[in-house]
Structures are given as C-alpha cells and as structure tokens.
Amino acid sequence: MSDAADTSPKLPDDIGTLKAIIGLQNLEIERLKEQLRLAAHKRFGTSSEKAGPDQLGLFNEAETLVGASDAEAAPDDTITIPEHKRVPRRTEWVSSGVQSGRRAA
C-alpha cells in the first residue's frame, strides 16, 4: 500500500492552494462533460440536414414537367403489356420416392 502513496503527486499543505487545485479539476470535469454531451448529440442527436421552407419546392420541378406532358398526351397512347405466366416448380424429385421428408437412396 505504500507503493500507491509513493507514486501519487505531492500535494501542498496550504488549504488555499488545495482549493485552487480542486477548483481547476472541477472546471476540467465540467469541460469534459460538455465535450461528451456534444459528441453524443452529434452522434445520436437530430440530423443537421433539415429541410428549410425554401427547400420544399426543389423537387417539384420534375413533377410539374411530368404533369404538363401528361395533360398534353392523348389517352390513346397507352401500351399494353401481356401478363407474365409463372412456370410451376419442378416436382420431379418429390415423385421419385421422397417420403416423409427424406430422399430415396
């Protein structure tokens, strides 16, 4: 236990100096707490990329252009695509002797 006492810094005996050291340590603790709070807010807080009122109409230009061209297009310009027909799964191995979840050897 005397080893721990030997490695600790030598503190002054003056009470005023000790209070000053404690005050500086308290300031350092508060500064570190603030840094931790800011880092946590930066990592987990709300995003800084918020849309402002002037940014709300940025992407409406494409919708406006599409809306204008839809109004000009005639209803006879529709294209009909035939439906896709699904191919049934291959069930050959089921009929070749699979019983109760095991394959035939």
PDB file of N, CA and C in Angstrom:
ATOM      1  N   MET A   1       0.812  -1.175   0.000  1.00  0.00           N
ATOM      2  CA  MET A   1       0.000   0.000   0.000  1.00  0.00           C
ATOM      3  C   MET A   1       0.867   1.254   0.000  1.00  0.00           C
ATOM      4  N   SER A   2       2.054   1.136   0.455  1.00  0.00           N
ATOM      5  CA  SER A   2       2.951   2.287   0.465  1.00  0.00           C
ATOM      6  C   SER A   2       3.421   2.634  -0.939  1.00  0.00           C
ATOM      7  N   ASP A   3       3.361   1.661  -1.873  1.00  0.00           N
ATOM      8  CA  ASP A   3       3.743   1.934  -3.262  1.00  0.00           C
ATOM      9  C   ASP A   3       2.789   2.927  -3.910  1.00  0.00           C
ATOM     10  N   ALA A   4       1.496   2.796  -3.619  1.00  0.00           N
ATOM     11  CA  ALA A   4       0.500   3.705  -4.185  1.00  0.00           C
ATOM     12  C   ALA A   4       0.703   5.116  -3.647  1.00  0.00           C
ATOM     13  N   ALA A   5       1.073   5.223  -2.403  1.00  0.00           N
ATOM     14  CA  ALA A   5       1.297   6.543  -1.819  1.00  0.00           C
ATOM     15  C   ALA A   5       2.559   7.178  -2.383  1.00  0.00           C
ATOM     16  N   ASP A   6       3.554   6.382  -2.760  1.00  0.00           N
ATOM     17  CA  ASP A   6       4.798   6.908  -3.297  1.00  0.00           C
ATOM     18  C   ASP A   6       4.630   7.443  -4.723  1.00  0.00           C
ATOM     19  N   THR A   7       3.713   6.851  -5.509  1.00  0.00           N
ATOM     20  CA  THR A   7       3.547   7.260  -6.900  1.00  0.00           C
ATOM     21  C   THR A   7       2.571   8.421  -7.066  1.00  0.00           C
ATOM     22  N   SER A   8       1.808   8.750  -6.040  1.00  0.00           N
ATOM     23  CA  SER A   8       0.859   9.856  -6.163  1.00  0.00           C
ATOM     24  C   SER A   8       1.615  11.187  -6.146  1.00  0.00           C
ATOM     25  N   PRO A   9       1.044  12.213  -6.811  1.00  0.00           N
ATOM     26  CA  PRO A   9       1.729  13.510  -6.821  1.00  0.00           C
ATOM     27  C   PRO A   9       1.734  14.132  -5.427  1.00  0.00           C
ATOM     28  N   LYS A  10       2.770  14.846  -5.153  1.00  0.00           N
ATOM     29  CA  LYS A  10       2.885  15.514  -3.847  1.00  0.00           C
ATOM     30  C   LYS A  10       1.973  16.736  -3.842  1.00  0.00           C
ATOM     31  N   LEU A  11       1.072  16.771  -2.886  1.00  0.00           N
ATOM     32  CA  LEU A  11       0.131  17.880  -2.775  1.00  0.00           C
ATOM     33  C   LEU A  11       0.648  18.868  -1.739  1.00  0.00           C
ATOM     34  N   PRO A  12       0.375  20.135  -1.974  1.00  0.00           N
ATOM     35  CA  PRO A  12       0.819  21.141  -0.995  1.00  0.00           C
ATOM     36  C   PRO A  12       0.002  21.053   0.294  1.00  0.00           C
ATOM     37  N   ASP A  13       0.535  21.580   1.342  1.00  0.00           N
ATOM     38  CA  ASP A  13      -0.150  21.582   2.630  1.00  0.00           C
ATOM     39  C   ASP A  13      -1.055  22.800   2.802  1.00  0.00           C
ATOM     40  N   ASP A  14      -0.940  23.782   1.926  1.00  0.00           N
ATOM     41  CA  ASP A  14      -1.711  25.020   2.033  1.00  0.00           C
ATOM     42  C   ASP A  14      -3.157  24.773   1.594  1.00  0.00           C
ATOM     43  N   ILE A  15      -4.123  25.127   2.419  1.00  0.00           N
ATOM     44  CA  ILE A  15      -5.540  24.899   2.127  1.00  0.00           C
ATOM     45  C   ILE A  15      -5.992  25.720   0.919  1.00  0.00           C
ATOM     46  N   GLY A  16      -5.540  26.932   0.786  1.00  0.00           N
ATOM     47  CA  GLY A  16      -5.917  27.784  -0.351  1.00  0.00           C
ATOM     48  C   GLY A  16      -5.435  27.197  -1.665  1.00  0.00           C
ATOM     49  N   THR A  17      -4.224  26.644  -1.682  1.00  0.00           N
ATOM     50  CA  THR A  17      -3.693  26.011  -2.892  1.00  0.00           C
ATOM     51  C   THR A  17      -4.480  24.747  -3.229  1.00  0.00           C
ATOM     52  N   LEU A  18      -4.827  23.957  -2.210  1.00  0.00           N
ATOM     53  CA  LEU A  18      -5.624  22.749  -2.435  1.00  0.00           C
ATOM     54  C   LEU A  18      -7.004  23.093  -2.989  1.00  0.00           C
ATOM     55  N   LYS A  19      -7.612  24.149  -2.489  1.00  0.00           N
ATOM     56  CA  LYS A  19      -8.920  24.583  -3.009  1.00  0.00           C
ATOM     57  C   LYS A  19      -8.800  25.042  -4.454  1.00  0.00           C
ATOM     58  N   ALA A  20      -7.684  25.697  -4.791  1.00  0.00           N
ATOM     59  CA  ALA A  20      -7.479  26.135  -6.177  1.00  0.00           C
ATOM     60  C   ALA A  20      -7.331  24.934  -7.100  1.00  0.00           C
ATOM     61  N   ILE A  21      -6.606  23.902  -6.629  1.00  0.00           N
ATOM     62  CA  ILE A  21      -6.430  22.683  -7.438  1.00  0.00           C
ATOM     63  C   ILE A  21      -7.772  21.999  -7.650  1.00  0.00           C
ATOM     64  N   ILE A  22      -8.565  21.927  -6.593  1.00  0.00           N
ATOM     65  CA  ILE A  22      -9.889  21.310  -6.709  1.00  0.00           C
ATOM     66  C   ILE A  22     -10.767  22.118  -7.663  1.00  0.00           C
ATOM     67  N   GLY A  23     -10.688  23.438  -7.588  1.00  0.00           N
ATOM     68  CA  GLY A  23     -11.465  24.284  -8.496  1.00  0.00           C
ATOM     69  C   GLY A  23     -11.082  24.062  -9.946  1.00  0.00           C
ATOM     70  N   LEU A  24      -9.771  23.948 -10.217  1.00  0.00           N
ATOM     71  CA  LEU A  24      -9.312  23.677 -11.588  1.00  0.00           C
ATOM     72  C   LEU A  24      -9.767  22.303 -12.060  1.00  0.00           C
ATOM     73  N   GLN A  25      -9.716  21.324 -11.163  1.00  0.00           N
ATOM     74  CA  GLN A  25     -10.172  19.983 -11.537  1.00  0.00           C
ATOM     75  C   GLN A  25     -11.670  19.969 -11.816  1.00  0.00           C
ATOM     76  N   ASN A  26     -12.436  20.714 -11.044  1.00  0.00           N
ATOM     77  CA  ASN A  26     -13.881  20.801 -11.294  1.00  0.00           C
ATOM     78  C   ASN A  26     -14.176  21.450 -12.643  1.00  0.00           C
ATOM     79  N   LEU A  27     -13.400  22.494 -12.983  1.00  0.00           N
ATOM     80  CA  LEU A  27     -13.569  23.124 -14.302  1.00  0.00           C
ATOM     81  C   LEU A  27     -13.238  22.140 -15.419  1.00  0.00           C
ATOM     82  N   GLU A  28     -12.189  21.371 -15.240  1.00  0.00           N
ATOM     83  CA  GLU A  28     -11.800  20.372 -16.253  1.00  0.00           C
ATOM     84  C   GLU A  28     -12.877  19.299 -16.387  1.00  0.00           C
ATOM     85  N   ILE A  29     -13.441  18.869 -15.268  1.00  0.00           N
ATOM     86  CA  ILE A  29     -14.522  17.873 -15.303  1.00  0.00           C
ATOM     87  C   ILE A  29     -15.727  18.427 -16.047  1.00  0.00           C
ATOM     88  N   GLU A  30     -16.110  19.655 -15.788  1.00  0.00           N
ATOM     89  CA  GLU A  30     -17.252  20.278 -16.475  1.00  0.00           C
ATOM     90  C   GLU A  30     -16.981  20.413 -17.972  1.00  0.00           C
ATOM     91  N   ARG A  31     -15.735  20.777 -18.324  1.00  0.00           N
ATOM     92  CA  ARG A  31     -15.379  20.898 -19.738  1.00  0.00           C
ATOM     93  C   ARG A  31     -15.473  19.540 -20.431  1.00  0.00           C
ATOM     94  N   LEU A  32     -14.996  18.496 -19.775  1.00  0.00           N
ATOM     95  CA  LEU A  32     -15.057  17.157 -20.358  1.00  0.00           C
ATOM     96  C   LEU A  32     -16.492  16.650 -20.458  1.00  0.00           C
ATOM     97  N   LYS A  33     -17.331  16.977 -19.473  1.00  0.00           N
ATOM     98  CA  LYS A  33     -18.746  16.605 -19.552  1.00  0.00           C
ATOM     99  C   LYS A  33     -19.418  17.282 -20.731  1.00  0.00           C
ATOM    100  N   GLU A  34     -19.082  18.536 -20.967  1.00  0.00           N
ATOM    101  CA  GLU A  34     -19.668  19.269 -22.096  1.00  0.00           C
ATOM    102  C   GLU A  34     -19.208  18.671 -23.425  1.00  0.00           C
ATOM    103  N   GLN A  35     -17.930  18.305 -23.506  1.00  0.00           N
ATOM    104  CA  GLN A  35     -17.433  17.661 -24.728  1.00  0.00           C
ATOM    105  C   GLN A  35     -18.147  16.341 -24.975  1.00  0.00           C
ATOM    106  N   LEU A  36     -18.359  15.570 -23.917  1.00  0.00           N
ATOM    107  CA  LEU A  36     -19.061  14.300 -24.038  1.00  0.00           C
ATOM    108  C   LEU A  36     -20.507  14.518 -24.477  1.00  0.00           C
ATOM    109  N   ARG A  37     -21.163  15.518 -23.910  1.00  0.00           N
ATOM    110  CA  ARG A  37     -22.545  15.813 -24.294  1.00  0.00           C
ATOM    111  C   ARG A  37     -22.635  16.219 -25.761  1.00  0.00           C
ATOM    112  N   LEU A  38     -21.692  17.063 -26.201  1.00  0.00           N
ATOM    113  CA  LEU A  38     -21.704  17.494 -27.605  1.00  0.00           C
ATOM    114  C   LEU A  38     -21.407  16.334 -28.549  1.00  0.00           C
ATOM    115  N   ALA A  39     -20.481  15.466 -28.179  1.00  0.00           N
ATOM    116  CA  ALA A  39     -20.167  14.313 -29.026  1.00  0.00           C
ATOM    117  C   ALA A  39     -21.356  13.365 -29.115  1.00  0.00           C
ATOM    118  N   ALA A  40     -22.043  13.146 -28.000  1.00  0.00           N
ATOM    119  CA  ALA A  40     -23.231  12.289 -28.010  1.00  0.00           C
ATOM    120  C   ALA A  40     -24.342  12.914 -28.838  1.00  0.00           C
ATOM    121  N   HIS A  41     -24.504  14.233 -28.738  1.00  0.00           N
ATOM    122  CA  HIS A  41     -25.536  14.904 -29.535  1.00  0.00           C
ATOM    123  C   HIS A  41     -25.201  14.836 -31.023  1.00  0.00           C
ATOM    124  N   LYS A  42     -23.928  14.986 -31.343  1.00  0.00           N
ATOM    125  CA  LYS A  42     -23.528  14.912 -32.748  1.00  0.00           C
ATOM    126  C   LYS A  42     -23.762  13.517 -33.310  1.00  0.00           C
ATOM    127  N   ARG A  43     -23.515  12.501 -32.481  1.00  0.00           N
ATOM    128  CA  ARG A  43     -23.654  11.125 -32.952  1.00  0.00           C
ATOM    129  C   ARG A  43     -25.101  10.653 -32.936  1.00  0.00           C
ATOM    130  N   PHE A  44     -25.832  10.949 -31.869  1.00  0.00           N
ATOM    131  CA  PHE A  44     -27.171  10.403 -31.710  1.00  0.00           C
ATOM    132  C   PHE A  44     -28.284  11.445 -31.802  1.00  0.00           C
ATOM    133  N   GLY A  45     -27.938  12.723 -31.906  1.00  0.00           N
ATOM    134  CA  GLY A  45     -28.947  13.777 -31.910  1.00  0.00           C
ATOM    135  C   GLY A  45     -29.654  13.883 -33.246  1.00  0.00           C
ATOM    136  N   THR A  46     -30.498  14.876 -33.357  1.00  0.00           N
ATOM    137  CA  THR A  46     -31.238  15.089 -34.595  1.00  0.00           C
ATOM    138  C   THR A  46     -30.286  15.488 -35.713  1.00  0.00           C
ATOM    139  N   SER A  47     -30.667  15.184 -36.906  1.00  0.00           N
ATOM    140  CA  SER A  47     -29.830  15.454 -38.069  1.00  0.00           C
ATOM    141  C   SER A  47     -29.731  16.950 -38.329  1.00  0.00           C
ATOM    142  N   SER A  48     -28.581  17.355 -38.801  1.00  0.00           N
ATOM    143  CA  SER A  48     -28.405  18.774 -39.116  1.00  0.00           C
ATOM    144  C   SER A  48     -28.931  19.100 -40.504  1.00  0.00           C
ATOM    145  N   GLU A  49     -29.280  18.093 -41.265  1.00  0.00           N
ATOM    146  CA  GLU A  49     -29.783  18.313 -42.624  1.00  0.00           C
ATOM    147  C   GLU A  49     -31.307  18.398 -42.603  1.00  0.00           C
ATOM    148  N   LYS A  50     -31.796  19.467 -42.080  1.00  0.00           N
ATOM    149  CA  LYS A  50     -33.238  19.675 -42.039  1.00  0.00           C
ATOM    150  C   LYS A  50     -33.651  20.521 -43.228  1.00  0.00           C
ATOM    151  N   ALA A  51     -34.827  20.257 -43.749  1.00  0.00           N
ATOM    152  CA  ALA A  51     -35.321  20.989 -44.899  1.00  0.00           C
ATOM    153  C   ALA A  51     -35.897  22.325 -44.444  1.00  0.00           C
ATOM    154  N   GLY A  52     -35.411  23.365 -45.049  1.00  0.00           N
ATOM    155  CA  GLY A  52     -35.927  24.688 -44.748  1.00  0.00           C
ATOM    156  C   GLY A  52     -37.147  24.973 -45.602  1.00  0.00           C
ATOM    157  N   PRO A  53     -37.868  26.038 -45.299  1.00  0.00           N
ATOM    158  CA  PRO A  53     -39.066  26.339 -46.077  1.00  0.00           C
ATOM    159  C   PRO A  53     -38.757  26.670 -47.538  1.00  0.00           C
ATOM    160  N   ASP A  54     -37.549  27.171 -47.811  1.00  0.00           N
ATOM    161  CA  ASP A  54     -37.197  27.477 -49.193  1.00  0.00           C
ATOM    162  C   ASP A  54     -36.770  26.237 -49.961  1.00  0.00           C
ATOM    163  N   GLN A  55     -36.523  25.116 -49.272  1.00  0.00           N
ATOM    164  CA  GLN A  55     -36.078  23.900 -49.955  1.00  0.00           C
ATOM    165  C   GLN A  55     -37.228  22.963 -50.285  1.00  0.00           C
ATOM    166  N   LEU A  56     -38.409  23.233 -49.821  1.00  0.00           N
ATOM    167  CA  LEU A  56     -39.514  22.306 -50.006  1.00  0.00           C
ATOM    168  C   LEU A  56     -39.899  22.138 -51.474  1.00  0.00           C
ATOM    169  N   GLY A  57     -39.701  23.146 -52.307  1.00  0.00           N
ATOM    170  CA  GLY A  57     -40.108  23.064 -53.700  1.00  0.00           C
ATOM    171  C   GLY A  57     -39.001  22.653 -54.651  1.00  0.00           C
ATOM    172  N   LEU A  58     -37.866  22.181 -54.144  1.00  0.00           N
ATOM    173  CA  LEU A  58     -36.750  21.862 -55.029  1.00  0.00           C
ATOM    174  C   LEU A  58     -37.069  20.741 -56.007  1.00  0.00           C
ATOM    175  N   PHE A  59     -37.778  19.725 -55.568  1.00  0.00           N
ATOM    176  CA  PHE A  59     -38.005  18.563 -56.412  1.00  0.00           C
ATOM    177  C   PHE A  59     -39.371  18.570 -57.070  1.00  0.00           C
ATOM    178  N   ASN A  60     -40.092  19.639 -56.983  1.00  0.00           N
ATOM    179  CA  ASN A  60     -41.398  19.727 -57.620  1.00  0.00           C
ATOM    180  C   ASN A  60     -41.280  20.024 -59.114  1.00  0.00           C
ATOM    181  N   GLU A  61     -40.100  20.422 -59.560  1.00  0.00           N
ATOM    182  CA  GLU A  61     -39.931  20.755 -60.972  1.00  0.00           C
ATOM    183  C   GLU A  61     -40.208  19.544 -61.857  1.00  0.00           C
ATOM    184  N   ALA A  62     -39.690  18.384 -61.488  1.00  0.00           N
ATOM    185  CA  ALA A  62     -39.917  17.180 -62.293  1.00  0.00           C
ATOM    186  C   ALA A  62     -41.389  16.813 -62.304  1.00  0.00           C
ATOM    187  N   GLU A  63     -42.051  16.917 -61.178  1.00  0.00           N
ATOM    188  CA  GLU A  63     -43.477  16.612 -61.125  1.00  0.00           C
ATOM    189  C   GLU A  63     -44.280  17.598 -61.964  1.00  0.00           C
ATOM    190  N   THR A  64     -43.858  18.847 -61.990  1.00  0.00           N
ATOM    191  CA  THR A  64     -44.537  19.853 -62.786  1.00  0.00           C
ATOM    192  C   THR A  64     -44.377  19.546 -64.266  1.00  0.00           C
ATOM    193  N   LEU A  65     -43.160  19.161 -64.667  1.00  0.00           N
ATOM    194  CA  LEU A  65     -42.922  18.835 -66.076  1.00  0.00           C
ATOM    195  C   LEU A  65     -43.687  17.586 -66.488  1.00  0.00           C
ATOM    196  N   VAL A  66     -43.719  16.579 -65.641  1.00  0.00           N
ATOM    197  CA  VAL A  66     -44.459  15.360 -65.963  1.00  0.00           C
ATOM    198  C   VAL A  66     -45.945  15.655 -66.014  1.00  0.00           C
ATOM    199  N   GLY A  67     -46.443  16.472 -65.114  1.00  0.00           N
ATOM    200  CA  GLY A  67     -47.856  16.829 -65.106  1.00  0.00           C
ATOM    201  C   GLY A  67     -48.251  17.569 -66.372  1.00  0.00           C
ATOM    202  N   ALA A  68     -47.368  18.438 -66.889  1.00  0.00           N
ATOM    203  CA  ALA A  68     -47.661  19.173 -68.110  1.00  0.00           C
ATOM    204  C   ALA A  68     -47.657  18.244 -69.314  1.00  0.00           C
ATOM    205  N   SER A  69     -46.736  17.294 -69.357  1.00  0.00           N
ATOM    206  CA  SER A  69     -46.689  16.394 -70.501  1.00  0.00           C
ATOM    207  C   SER A  69     -47.839  15.398 -70.460  1.00  0.00           C
ATOM    208  N   ASP A  70     -48.319  15.028 -69.265  1.00  0.00           N
ATOM    209  CA  ASP A  70     -49.471  14.135 -69.160  1.00  0.00           C
ATOM    210  C   ASP A  70     -50.733  14.809 -69.678  1.00  0.00           C
ATOM    211  N   ALA A  71     -50.833  16.096 -69.448  1.00  0.00           N
ATOM    212  CA  ALA A  71     -52.005  16.821 -69.919  1.00  0.00           C
ATOM    213  C   ALA A  71     -52.008  16.906 -71.443  1.00  0.00           C
ATOM    214  N   GLU A  72     -50.808  16.963 -72.032  1.00  0.00           N
ATOM    215  CA  GLU A  72     -50.707  17.069 -73.479  1.00  0.00           C
ATOM    216  C   GLU A  72     -50.875  15.714 -74.162  1.00  0.00           C
ATOM    217  N   ALA A  73     -50.561  14.623 -73.482  1.00  0.00           N
ATOM    218  CA  ALA A  73     -50.616  13.293 -74.096  1.00  0.00           C
ATOM    219  C   ALA A  73     -52.067  12.879 -74.333  1.00  0.00           C
ATOM    220  N   ALA A  74     -52.263  12.193 -75.425  1.00  0.00           N
ATOM    221  CA  ALA A  74     -53.601  11.718 -75.761  1.00  0.00           C
ATOM    222  C   ALA A  74     -53.857  10.411 -75.018  1.00  0.00           C
ATOM    223  N   PRO A  75     -55.094  10.115 -74.662  1.00  0.00           N
ATOM    224  CA  PRO A  75     -55.388   8.883 -73.929  1.00  0.00           C
ATOM    225  C   PRO A  75     -55.179   7.628 -74.775  1.00  0.00           C
ATOM    226  N   ASP A  76     -55.014   7.752 -76.115  1.00  0.00           N
ATOM    227  CA  ASP A  76     -54.820   6.606 -76.995  1.00  0.00           C
ATOM    228  C   ASP A  76     -53.368   6.118 -76.992  1.00  0.00           C
ATOM    229  N   ASP A  77     -52.485   6.784 -76.275  1.00  0.00           N
ATOM    230  CA  ASP A  77     -51.069   6.438 -76.277  1.00  0.00           C
ATOM    231  C   ASP A  77     -50.720   5.400 -75.210  1.00  0.00           C
ATOM    232  N   THR A  78     -51.650   4.529 -74.877  1.00  0.00           N
ATOM    233  CA  THR A  78     -51.367   3.540 -73.842  1.00  0.00           C
ATOM    234  C   THR A  78     -50.717   2.311 -74.461  1.00  0.00           C
ATOM    235  N   ILE A  79     -49.852   1.682 -73.703  1.00  0.00           N
ATOM    236  CA  ILE A  79     -49.154   0.475 -74.146  1.00  0.00           C
ATOM    237  C   ILE A  79     -49.605  -0.666 -73.254  1.00  0.00           C
ATOM    238  N   THR A  80     -50.036  -1.757 -73.868  1.00  0.00           N
ATOM    239  CA  THR A  80     -50.497  -2.911 -73.111  1.00  0.00           C
ATOM    240  C   THR A  80     -49.386  -3.952 -73.097  1.00  0.00           C
ATOM    241  N   ILE A  81     -49.039  -4.403 -71.908  1.00  0.00           N
ATOM    242  CA  ILE A  81     -48.002  -5.408 -71.751  1.00  0.00           C
ATOM    243  C   ILE A  81     -48.668  -6.690 -71.283  1.00  0.00           C
ATOM    244  N   PRO A  82     -48.400  -7.818 -71.951  1.00  0.00           N
ATOM    245  CA  PRO A  82     -49.053  -9.070 -71.542  1.00  0.00           C
ATOM    246  C   PRO A  82     -48.545  -9.509 -70.160  1.00  0.00           C
ATOM    247  N   GLU A  83     -49.402 -10.253 -69.470  1.00  0.00           N
ATOM    248  CA  GLU A  83     -49.043 -10.716 -68.143  1.00  0.00           C
ATOM    249  C   GLU A  83     -47.968 -11.785 -68.221  1.00  0.00           C
ATOM    250  N   HIS A  84     -47.186 -11.852 -67.174  1.00  0.00           N
ATOM    251  CA  HIS A  84     -46.150 -12.870 -67.085  1.00  0.00           C
ATOM    252  C   HIS A  84     -46.763 -14.135 -66.515  1.00  0.00           C
ATOM    253  N   LYS A  85     -46.466 -15.260 -67.145  1.00  0.00           N
ATOM    254  CA  LYS A  85     -47.003 -16.524 -66.662  1.00  0.00           C
ATOM    255  C   LYS A  85     -45.907 -17.236 -65.876  1.00  0.00           C
ATOM    256  N   ARG A  86     -46.234 -17.631 -64.661  1.00  0.00           N
ATOM    257  CA  ARG A  86     -45.270 -18.311 -63.814  1.00  0.00           C
ATOM    258  C   ARG A  86     -45.098 -19.749 -64.262  1.00  0.00           C
ATOM    259  N   VAL A  87     -43.869 -20.198 -64.224  1.00  0.00           N
ATOM    260  CA  VAL A  87     -43.565 -21.578 -64.548  1.00  0.00           C
ATOM    261  C   VAL A  87     -43.670 -22.368 -63.245  1.00  0.00           C
ATOM    262  N   PRO A  88     -44.416 -23.468 -63.237  1.00  0.00           N
ATOM    263  CA  PRO A  88     -44.543 -24.220 -61.980  1.00  0.00           C
ATOM    264  C   PRO A  88     -43.197 -24.803 -61.556  1.00  0.00           C
ATOM    265  N   ARG A  89     -43.039 -24.978 -60.253  1.00  0.00           N
ATOM    266  CA  ARG A  89     -41.804 -25.545 -59.729  1.00  0.00           C
ATOM    267  C   ARG A  89     -41.638 -26.980 -60.196  1.00  0.00           C
ATOM    268  N   ARG A  90     -40.394 -27.376 -60.285  1.00  0.00           N
ATOM    269  CA  ARG A  90     -40.104 -28.753 -60.674  1.00  0.00           C
ATOM    270  C   ARG A  90     -40.360 -29.650 -59.472  1.00  0.00           C
ATOM    271  N   THR A  91     -41.176 -30.657 -59.682  1.00  0.00           N
ATOM    272  CA  THR A  91     -41.530 -31.550 -58.587  1.00  0.00           C
ATOM    273  C   THR A  91     -41.106 -32.979 -58.895  1.00  0.00           C
ATOM    274  N   GLU A  92     -40.104 -33.145 -59.761  1.00  0.00           N
ATOM    275  CA  GLU A  92     -39.669 -34.485 -60.156  1.00  0.00           C
ATOM    276  C   GLU A  92     -39.122 -35.259 -58.966  1.00  0.00           C
ATOM    277  N   TRP A  93     -38.326 -34.623 -58.134  1.00  0.00           N
ATOM    278  CA  TRP A  93     -37.710 -35.330 -57.019  1.00  0.00           C
ATOM    279  C   TRP A  93     -38.735 -35.742 -55.973  1.00  0.00           C
ATOM    280  N   VAL A  94     -39.867 -35.062 -55.934  1.00  0.00           N
ATOM    281  CA  VAL A  94     -40.913 -35.426 -54.990  1.00  0.00           C
ATOM    282  C   VAL A  94     -41.556 -36.736 -55.416  1.00  0.00           C
ATOM    283  N   SER A  95     -41.786 -36.900 -56.700  1.00  0.00           N
ATOM    284  CA  SER A  95     -42.447 -38.106 -57.171  1.00  0.00           C
ATOM    285  C   SER A  95     -41.473 -39.276 -57.333  1.00  0.00           C
ATOM    286  N   SER A  96     -40.167 -39.047 -57.183  1.00  0.00           N
ATOM    287  CA  SER A  96     -39.201 -40.121 -57.395  1.00  0.00           C
ATOM    288  C   SER A  96     -38.887 -40.894 -56.121  1.00  0.00           C
ATOM    289  N   GLY A  97     -39.691 -40.770 -55.090  1.00  0.00           N
ATOM    290  CA  GLY A  97     -39.500 -41.601 -53.923  1.00  0.00           C
ATOM    291  C   GLY A  97     -39.235 -40.854 -52.642  1.00  0.00           C
ATOM    292  N   VAL A  98     -39.504 -39.598 -52.593  1.00  0.00           N
ATOM    293  CA  VAL A  98     -39.312 -38.861 -51.359  1.00  0.00           C
ATOM    294  C   VAL A  98     -40.507 -39.164 -50.464  1.00  0.00           C
ATOM    295  N   GLN A  99     -40.231 -39.679 -49.280  1.00  0.00           N
ATOM    296  CA  GLN A  99     -41.293 -39.977 -48.344  1.00  0.00           C
ATOM    297  C   GLN A  99     -40.933 -39.399 -46.999  1.00  0.00           C
ATOM    298  N   SER A 100     -41.850 -38.785 -46.384  1.00  0.00           N
ATOM    299  CA  SER A 100     -41.732 -38.176 -45.053  1.00  0.00           C
ATOM    300  C   SER A 100     -40.482 -37.316 -44.911  1.00  0.00           C
ATOM    301  N   GLY A 101     -40.179 -36.532 -45.934  1.00  0.00           N
ATOM    302  CA  GLY A 101     -39.092 -35.574 -45.851  1.00  0.00           C
ATOM    303  C   GLY A 101     -37.706 -36.114 -46.170  1.00  0.00           C
ATOM    304  N   ARG A 102     -37.563 -37.386 -46.565  1.00  0.00           N
ATOM    305  CA  ARG A 102     -36.263 -37.961 -46.886  1.00  0.00           C
ATOM    306  C   ARG A 102     -36.187 -38.326 -48.361  1.00  0.00           C
ATOM    307  N   ARG A 103     -35.020 -38.181 -48.900  1.00  0.00           N
ATOM    308  CA  ARG A 103     -34.829 -38.553 -50.301  1.00  0.00           C
ATOM    309  C   ARG A 103     -34.543 -40.048 -50.385  1.00  0.00           C
ATOM    310  N   ALA A 104     -34.913 -40.620 -51.488  1.00  0.00           N
ATOM    311  CA  ALA A 104     -34.648 -42.054 -51.700  1.00  0.00           C
ATOM    312  C   ALA A 104     -33.183 -42.241 -52.043  1.00  0.00           C
ATOM    313  N   ALA A 105     -32.589 -43.262 -51.505  1.00  0.00           N
ATOM    314  CA  ALA A 105     -31.165 -43.510 -51.743  1.00  0.00           C
ATOM    315  C   ALA A 105     -30.900 -44.368 -52.934  1.00  0.00           C
TER     316      ALA A 105
END
